[in-house]
Amino acid sequence: MENKRHKRKKIWTAIGVALAIVLLLFWLTLAIWVNDEPEAAIVPHTEQTADS
């Protein structure tokens, strides 16, 4: 038989997982809505300077 502490832990874990899923879906929806392109994530090239 489960005690109250174990039940609360399960409930908070379920709430945390549900919140993470909602935030992930929101993030993905927002990325699609603003037409996020993979090229935007590429770090631009910088000039390399040689110490002479």
Protein backbone atom coordinates (compact mmCIF):
# COMPACT_ATOMS: atom_id res chain seq x y z
CA MET A 1 0.00 0.00 0.00
CA GLU A 2 1.35 3.38 -1.00
CA ASN A 3 1.74 6.08 1.58
CA LYS A 4 0.84 9.76 1.09
CA ARG A 5 4.41 10.86 0.39
CA HIS A 6 4.80 8.36 -2.46
CA LYS A 7 1.45 9.40 -3.96
CA ARG A 8 2.43 13.07 -3.84
CA LYS A 9 5.73 12.29 -5.53
CA LYS A 10 3.91 10.52 -8.37
CA ILE A 11 1.48 13.40 -8.78
CA TRP A 12 4.24 16.05 -8.92
CA THR A 13 6.23 13.93 -11.37
CA ALA A 14 3.18 13.66 -13.63
CA ILE A 15 2.60 17.43 -13.39
CA GLY A 16 6.25 18.10 -14.26
CA VAL A 17 6.18 15.78 -17.26
CA ALA A 18 2.92 17.31 -18.51
CA LEU A 19 4.34 20.82 -18.14
CA ALA A 20 7.50 19.84 -20.03
CA ILE A 21 5.42 18.40 -22.88
CA VAL A 22 3.26 21.54 -23.06
CA LEU A 23 6.33 23.80 -23.14
CA LEU A 24 7.95 21.65 -25.84
CA LEU A 25 4.83 21.81 -28.00
CA PHE A 26 4.61 25.59 -27.48
CA TRP A 27 8.29 25.99 -28.44
CA LEU A 28 7.89 23.87 -31.58
CA THR A 29 4.70 25.69 -32.57
CA LEU A 30 6.39 29.06 -32.09
CA ALA A 31 9.40 27.93 -34.14
CA ILE A 32 7.12 26.84 -36.99
CA TRP A 33 5.03 30.04 -36.72
CA VAL A 34 8.05 32.34 -37.10
CA ASN A 35 9.35 30.10 -39.92
CA ASP A 36 12.56 29.22 -38.10
CA GLU A 37 15.15 27.92 -40.55
CA PRO A 38 18.01 25.56 -39.62
CA GLU A 39 20.47 27.97 -41.22
CA ALA A 40 19.73 30.46 -38.46
CA ALA A 41 21.32 28.10 -35.94
CA ILE A 42 24.66 27.93 -37.77
CA VAL A 43 27.44 29.95 -36.18
CA PRO A 44 28.74 32.51 -38.70
CA HIS A 45 32.36 32.24 -39.77
CA THR A 46 34.80 34.65 -38.18
CA GLU A 47 38.16 35.71 -39.45
CA GLN A 48 40.99 33.89 -37.78
CA THR A 49 43.84 36.09 -36.70
CA ALA A 50 47.31 34.66 -36.38
CA ASP A 51 49.45 35.91 -33.54
CA SER A 52 52.65 36.98 -35.26
